[in-house]
Every structure is written in structure tokens, then in C-alpha cells.
Amino acid sequence: MRSLLLHAHNDSGFEARLQVALDLARAFDAHLTVLQPIAFNVALPGDAYGIFAAETASYVREQAAEFRQKIEPRLQAEDVRWDWTDAVGIAEASLLEYAALADLAIIGTGPIEGDAVGPSPLAGILAVHCRAPILVVPDSGSTMLPGAPAVVAWNGSLEASRALKAALPLLKAAESVTLVSVSSSDEEQAGELPALAGARYLDRHGVSCELVEVPQGQHKVAEVLDEVASARGAGLVAMGAYGKPRLFETLFGGVTAGMLRNPKVPLLLAH
């Protein structure tokens, strides 16, 4: 893990994800690319001459420049390698483009602008389409110790397998690793890899883990995973994202959507 991508935006969660990015950059001697997407409307209804659009664009650029001037001196004082890139365009498109050559993309949990209900649209889009795994950092978080215990949510799916592989550098550094399967009476087993297969993969890479199977009972899977992570003192939860179609999860609920609504610790997601 030598190339990290951090989403820069002047929102309430930036401080938390900046600190996490710096912690990871130090721990893995990684280069940190700070990407600030700059989006603005070029045309608005009723603005025939584009006057308001031009003023809005100028204001957005000024705000972005001020934010960059505020953060860059802090980065210069840190003992990490970094660069800053301003990209004109919507955040989703810019992050997808730059993540193509990143080992991990670090984003927040909240909306980029205004209020939103439910899981972050940005996290949902990147979790499905990003070429790199994403790390979703809670706004309230302030640090991420790479040596903290880690929990891997395992259901035997392709998504879970990819998340396990993507999280490997972090799992190697973790104090302990717990592979958690949440079982239900109507669980479909066909086509799923057993938890033992995930444990064997980790063992071949020098990572020992504990296998834990927890009954779902009357709770949602996301609630069970949160409880296990809390009990283990986890500093990271790794899981496959959107095993069911994202629209289905958004409309009817699902594990990924449930974990993204109010994550307690950073979530590593891979689809």
C-alpha cells in the first residue's frame, strides 16, 4: 500500500479523514495524493447571459483556493510525501479517475453538499465503480491506528473475497483479525466460499485470524457486525460492498447501506 488518494473538501469530516490518511501514509511509507474536485454549474435557467454562472464559478474557485491555502501548510509540516491536485468536475468522476492508480481511496461518510438522508451517495458510487478499494472514515473519527484489531465481514461472496484481499496490508499490521460470519436460518449457501477458505488465504500471507460465526437472530446484519466490532475494539471493518444491486439496497435496505448510515469505525469496502 504505497499510493493513497484522499478526497479533499471543506466539510465536517475532512479533519478526520486527513488524520487517517496521514496515519496510513506514515505506517506504510506511502505517497498521499490530496484530490480536491471543483464543481460548478456552467449554465442556469433564467441566466441567459451566464452572469450568475460566471460569478458562481469564480466564488467556487476562490473557496477552493482558500481551503487549499489553509491545508497545504499543515501538510508541509508532516513527515509524509504528498501532492495536491485540483480537478475541475464532479467529485465522483474525479475520484474514479484518480483512483485508477491508487491503492486506497479515502473518503468521508456524509454528503458533499447540504443534508442527506441515508448512506452517502458518494460512498455508494465509489464502492461499486472505483478501481481501488475505498476507506470510508466516520466524521467523528480522529485517528486510525494501523495496529488496532480488525474485523472482516465474511459471507463467502466475490465481494467479500475482494475486500479481504484489498485489506491484506492493513490486516498484516493489525493486532488481531476476526473473520465474522453472520448466519441466518434462511441463508443461501450455494456458491459461497466457507469462512475457512478466507482463513486459509490469510494464513498463506502470514496473517492468523479467529473465525467467529454469530447468529443474526432478530437483528439486522449491520447491527450484528457493529456489535462484534465494538466488542473486539476494532479500528477497522473490511467488507464486500453491495452484493445485491445498489438500487435494491437503497430502496429496501441491506448490509452495505446499513453500515454506511452511521459507521463507528473506518470501513474498507470493495465490490
Protein backbone atom coordinates (compact mmCIF):
# COMPACT_ATOMS: atom_id res chain seq x y z
CA MET A 1 0.00 0.00 0.00
CA ARG A 2 2.19 2.81 -1.31
CA SER A 3 -0.24 5.17 -3.03
CA LEU A 4 -3.13 6.80 -1.13
CA LEU A 5 -5.83 9.08 -2.52
CA LEU A 6 -7.62 11.50 -0.18
CA HIS A 7 -10.81 13.35 -1.04
CA ALA A 8 -10.31 16.99 -0.10
CA HIS A 9 -13.41 19.04 0.58
CA ASN A 10 -14.24 21.63 3.19
CA ASP A 11 -16.81 19.56 5.07
CA SER A 12 -17.22 18.45 8.67
CA GLY A 13 -15.49 15.12 8.07
CA PHE A 14 -12.32 16.33 6.36
CA GLU A 15 -10.25 16.63 9.53
CA ALA A 16 -10.97 13.03 10.50
CA ARG A 17 -10.09 11.56 7.12
CA LEU A 18 -6.99 13.76 6.83
CA GLN A 19 -5.67 12.36 10.11
CA VAL A 20 -6.43 8.80 9.00
CA ALA A 21 -4.67 9.42 5.67
CA LEU A 22 -1.60 10.79 7.45
CA ASP A 23 -1.52 7.83 9.86
CA LEU A 24 -1.64 5.37 6.96
CA ALA A 25 0.94 7.28 4.93
CA ARG A 26 3.38 7.12 7.85
CA ALA A 27 2.69 3.49 8.68
CA PHE A 28 3.17 2.26 5.11
CA ASP A 29 5.65 4.87 3.88
CA ALA A 30 3.05 5.76 1.26
CA HIS A 31 2.64 8.77 -1.00
CA LEU A 32 -0.51 10.78 -0.34
CA THR A 33 -2.34 12.47 -3.20
CA VAL A 34 -4.84 15.05 -1.97
CA LEU A 35 -7.53 15.49 -4.62
CA GLN A 36 -9.86 18.49 -4.48
CA PRO A 37 -12.67 18.25 -7.05
CA ILE A 38 -14.03 21.66 -8.05
CA ALA A 39 -17.55 21.52 -9.46
CA PHE A 40 -19.76 24.38 -10.53
CA ASN A 41 -22.72 24.93 -12.83
CA VAL A 42 -21.81 26.48 -16.18
CA ALA A 43 -25.39 27.35 -17.08
CA LEU A 44 -28.51 28.04 -15.06
CA PRO A 45 -32.15 28.53 -16.14
CA GLY A 46 -33.01 32.22 -16.46
CA ASP A 47 -29.36 33.22 -16.65
CA ALA A 48 -29.32 33.93 -20.37
CA TYR A 49 -26.01 35.79 -20.38
CA GLY A 50 -24.27 33.47 -17.95
CA ILE A 51 -23.57 36.28 -15.49
CA PHE A 52 -24.71 34.41 -12.40
CA ALA A 53 -22.98 31.22 -13.54
CA ALA A 54 -19.70 33.10 -14.02
CA GLU A 55 -19.97 34.68 -10.58
CA THR A 56 -20.75 31.30 -9.02
CA ALA A 57 -17.79 29.68 -10.75
CA SER A 58 -15.49 32.44 -9.55
CA TYR A 59 -16.76 32.09 -5.99
CA VAL A 60 -16.33 28.30 -6.01
CA ARG A 61 -12.76 28.62 -7.29
CA GLU A 62 -11.95 31.21 -4.61
CA GLN A 63 -13.32 28.97 -1.87
CA ALA A 64 -11.31 26.03 -3.16
CA ALA A 65 -8.14 28.13 -3.30
CA GLU A 66 -8.66 29.34 0.26
CA PHE A 67 -9.17 25.80 1.51
CA ARG A 68 -6.02 24.64 -0.25
CA GLN A 69 -4.01 27.55 1.20
CA LYS A 70 -5.28 26.59 4.64
CA ILE A 71 -4.40 22.89 4.43
CA GLU A 72 -1.13 22.89 2.46
CA PRO A 73 0.99 24.43 5.27
CA ARG A 74 -0.20 21.65 7.57
CA LEU A 75 0.82 19.02 5.04
CA GLN A 76 4.23 20.64 4.64
CA ALA A 77 4.79 20.23 8.37
CA GLU A 78 4.05 16.49 8.25
CA ASP A 79 6.65 13.80 7.67
CA VAL A 80 4.90 12.28 4.64
CA ARG A 81 5.28 12.55 0.87
CA TRP A 82 2.32 14.28 -0.71
CA ASP A 83 0.98 16.29 -3.61
CA TRP A 84 -2.19 18.31 -4.13
CA THR A 85 -4.36 18.21 -7.24
CA ASP A 86 -7.32 20.43 -8.09
CA ALA A 87 -9.64 18.73 -10.58
CA VAL A 88 -12.48 20.59 -12.27
CA GLY A 89 -15.52 18.33 -12.32
CA ILE A 90 -17.91 16.50 -10.03
CA ALA A 91 -16.35 14.62 -7.13
CA GLU A 92 -17.49 11.16 -8.18
CA ALA A 93 -15.95 11.39 -11.66
CA SER A 94 -12.70 12.93 -10.43
CA LEU A 95 -12.19 10.37 -7.69
CA LEU A 96 -12.96 7.48 -10.02
CA GLU A 97 -10.36 8.76 -12.48
CA TYR A 98 -7.56 9.33 -9.99
CA ALA A 99 -8.26 6.16 -8.02
CA ALA A 100 -7.29 4.08 -11.05
CA LEU A 101 -3.65 4.26 -9.90
CA ALA A 102 -4.23 4.38 -6.14
CA ASP A 103 -4.02 1.52 -3.68
CA LEU A 104 -6.71 3.04 -1.47
CA ALA A 105 -9.17 5.93 -1.82
CA ILE A 106 -10.08 7.68 1.44
CA ILE A 107 -13.46 9.43 1.63
CA GLY A 108 -15.99 10.60 4.22
CA THR A 109 -19.41 9.35 5.19
CA GLY A 110 -21.50 12.46 4.78
CA PRO A 111 -22.91 14.37 1.81
CA ILE A 112 -20.57 16.66 -0.10
CA GLU A 113 -23.06 19.50 -0.03
CA GLY A 114 -26.15 20.08 2.11
CA ASP A 115 -28.07 17.49 4.06
CA ALA A 116 -28.79 13.94 3.01
CA VAL A 117 -30.75 11.05 4.44
CA GLY A 118 -29.31 7.56 4.33
CA PRO A 119 -25.91 6.31 3.21
CA SER A 120 -23.54 8.66 1.40
CA PRO A 121 -24.24 8.79 -2.37
CA LEU A 122 -20.52 9.35 -2.97
CA ALA A 123 -19.57 6.25 -0.97
CA GLY A 124 -22.21 4.22 -2.78
CA ILE A 125 -20.99 5.20 -6.23
CA LEU A 126 -17.32 4.69 -5.44
CA ALA A 127 -17.92 1.39 -3.64
CA VAL A 128 -19.41 -0.06 -6.81
CA HIS A 129 -17.37 1.59 -9.55
CA CYS A 130 -14.00 2.53 -8.03
CA ARG A 131 -11.00 0.58 -9.33
CA ALA A 132 -9.39 0.76 -5.90
CA PRO A 133 -10.84 -0.22 -2.52
CA ILE A 134 -12.28 2.70 -0.60
CA LEU A 135 -11.88 3.58 3.07
CA VAL A 136 -14.92 5.38 4.47
CA VAL A 137 -13.93 7.40 7.53
CA PRO A 138 -16.57 8.50 10.09
CA ASP A 139 -16.75 12.24 10.70
CA SER A 140 -16.21 11.72 14.41
CA GLY A 141 -13.04 9.68 13.98
CA SER A 142 -9.69 11.33 14.67
CA THR A 143 -7.15 8.58 14.11
CA MET A 144 -6.75 5.10 12.76
CA LEU A 145 -4.06 3.02 14.33
CA PRO A 146 -2.90 0.50 11.70
CA GLY A 147 -2.10 -1.91 14.54
CA ALA A 148 -5.62 -1.87 16.00
CA PRO A 149 -7.76 -5.05 15.86
CA ALA A 150 -9.57 -5.58 12.55
CA VAL A 151 -12.85 -7.29 11.73
CA VAL A 152 -13.59 -8.79 8.31
CA ALA A 153 -17.24 -9.40 7.42
CA TRP A 154 -17.39 -12.70 5.58
CA ASN A 155 -20.29 -14.18 3.64
CA GLY A 156 -18.33 -16.16 1.06
CA SER A 157 -19.19 -13.81 -1.81
CA LEU A 158 -16.92 -12.48 -4.53
CA GLU A 159 -17.26 -9.04 -2.95
CA ALA A 160 -16.14 -10.33 0.45
CA SER A 161 -13.17 -12.09 -1.16
CA ARG A 162 -12.08 -8.93 -2.92
CA ALA A 163 -12.39 -6.91 0.29
CA LEU A 164 -10.29 -9.50 2.13
CA LYS A 165 -7.54 -9.25 -0.49
CA ALA A 166 -7.71 -5.45 -0.59
CA ALA A 167 -7.44 -5.19 3.19
CA LEU A 168 -4.43 -7.51 3.40
CA PRO A 169 -1.79 -4.79 4.11
CA LEU A 170 -3.92 -3.45 6.95
CA LEU A 171 -4.65 -6.94 8.26
CA LYS A 172 -0.94 -7.76 8.34
CA ALA A 173 -0.40 -4.74 10.58
CA ALA A 174 -3.41 -5.42 12.81
CA GLU A 175 -3.04 -6.59 16.39
CA SER A 176 -5.69 -9.23 15.75
CA VAL A 177 -8.02 -10.22 12.91
CA THR A 178 -11.51 -11.65 13.32
CA LEU A 179 -13.33 -13.19 10.36
CA VAL A 180 -17.03 -12.84 11.15
CA SER A 181 -19.87 -14.73 9.50
CA VAL A 182 -23.44 -13.73 10.39
CA SER A 183 -25.71 -16.74 9.95
CA SER A 184 -29.46 -16.85 9.45
CA SER A 185 -31.86 -19.76 9.11
CA ASP A 186 -32.76 -18.87 5.50
CA GLU A 187 -29.20 -18.13 4.38
CA GLU A 188 -28.40 -19.25 0.85
CA GLN A 189 -25.21 -21.32 0.91
CA ALA A 190 -24.87 -22.26 -2.77
CA GLY A 191 -21.88 -20.72 -4.50
CA GLU A 192 -20.43 -19.29 -1.30
CA LEU A 193 -16.88 -19.88 -0.09
CA PRO A 194 -16.70 -21.09 3.53
CA ALA A 195 -15.04 -18.93 6.14
CA LEU A 196 -12.24 -21.48 6.35
CA ALA A 197 -11.25 -20.56 2.77
CA GLY A 198 -10.79 -16.95 3.85
CA ALA A 199 -8.75 -18.05 6.86
CA ARG A 200 -6.52 -20.22 4.65
CA TYR A 201 -5.89 -17.27 2.34
CA LEU A 202 -4.83 -15.09 5.26
CA ASP A 203 -2.66 -17.85 6.72
CA ARG A 204 -0.77 -18.15 3.43
CA HIS A 205 0.04 -14.45 3.75
CA GLY A 206 1.22 -14.77 7.34
CA VAL A 207 -1.96 -13.47 8.97
CA SER A 208 -3.62 -15.52 11.69
CA CYS A 209 -7.29 -14.90 12.33
CA GLU A 210 -10.11 -16.07 14.55
CA LEU A 211 -13.22 -17.45 12.89
CA VAL A 212 -16.46 -16.34 14.51
CA GLU A 213 -19.99 -17.25 13.46
CA VAL A 214 -22.73 -15.14 15.00
CA PRO A 215 -26.45 -15.87 14.63
CA GLN A 216 -28.40 -12.97 13.17
CA GLY A 217 -31.44 -13.55 15.33
CA GLN A 218 -33.91 -10.68 15.16
CA HIS A 219 -31.24 -8.10 14.38
CA LYS A 220 -30.04 -6.64 11.12
CA VAL A 221 -26.70 -7.93 9.88
CA ALA A 222 -25.19 -4.44 10.09
CA GLU A 223 -26.20 -4.24 13.76
CA VAL A 224 -24.56 -7.59 14.48
CA LEU A 225 -21.34 -6.53 12.73
CA ASP A 226 -21.28 -3.25 14.67
CA GLU A 227 -21.69 -5.16 17.93
CA VAL A 228 -18.85 -7.58 17.09
CA ALA A 229 -16.55 -4.72 16.03
CA SER A 230 -17.29 -2.87 19.26
CA ALA A 231 -16.70 -5.97 21.40
CA ARG A 232 -13.35 -6.61 19.69
CA GLY A 233 -12.24 -2.99 19.96
CA ALA A 234 -11.84 -2.91 16.19
CA GLY A 235 -10.25 0.04 14.45
CA LEU A 236 -11.27 -1.24 11.02
CA VAL A 237 -14.08 -3.22 9.43
CA ALA A 238 -13.45 -4.68 5.97
CA MET A 239 -16.37 -5.95 3.91
CA GLY A 240 -17.61 -6.57 0.43
CA ALA A 241 -19.87 -3.80 -0.86
CA TYR A 242 -23.28 -4.22 -2.45
CA GLY A 243 -23.50 -7.95 -3.04
CA LYS A 244 -27.07 -7.11 -4.02
CA PRO A 245 -27.68 -4.33 -6.56
CA ARG A 246 -27.11 -0.92 -5.03
CA LEU A 247 -30.59 0.31 -6.00
CA PHE A 248 -32.16 -2.66 -4.23
CA GLU A 249 -30.20 -1.92 -1.06
CA THR A 250 -31.04 1.79 -1.24
CA LEU A 251 -34.76 1.09 -1.57
CA PHE A 252 -35.13 -1.91 0.70
CA GLY A 253 -32.06 -1.79 2.91
CA GLY A 254 -29.03 -4.02 3.01
CA VAL A 255 -25.81 -4.67 4.88
CA THR A 256 -23.69 -2.11 2.99
CA ALA A 257 -26.33 0.60 3.26
CA GLY A 258 -26.79 -0.19 6.94
CA MET A 259 -23.06 0.03 7.69
CA LEU A 260 -22.72 3.31 5.78
CA ARG A 261 -25.59 5.07 7.58
CA ASN A 262 -23.68 5.61 10.80
CA PRO A 263 -20.32 3.85 10.81
CA LYS A 264 -18.50 3.74 14.13
CA VAL A 265 -15.06 2.88 12.70
CA PRO A 266 -13.45 3.21 9.25
CA LEU A 267 -14.93 0.84 6.68
CA LEU A 268 -12.87 -0.68 3.90
CA LEU A 269 -15.21 -1.51 1.02
CA ALA A 270 -14.62 -3.38 -2.22
CA HIS A 271 -17.14 -4.55 -4.79
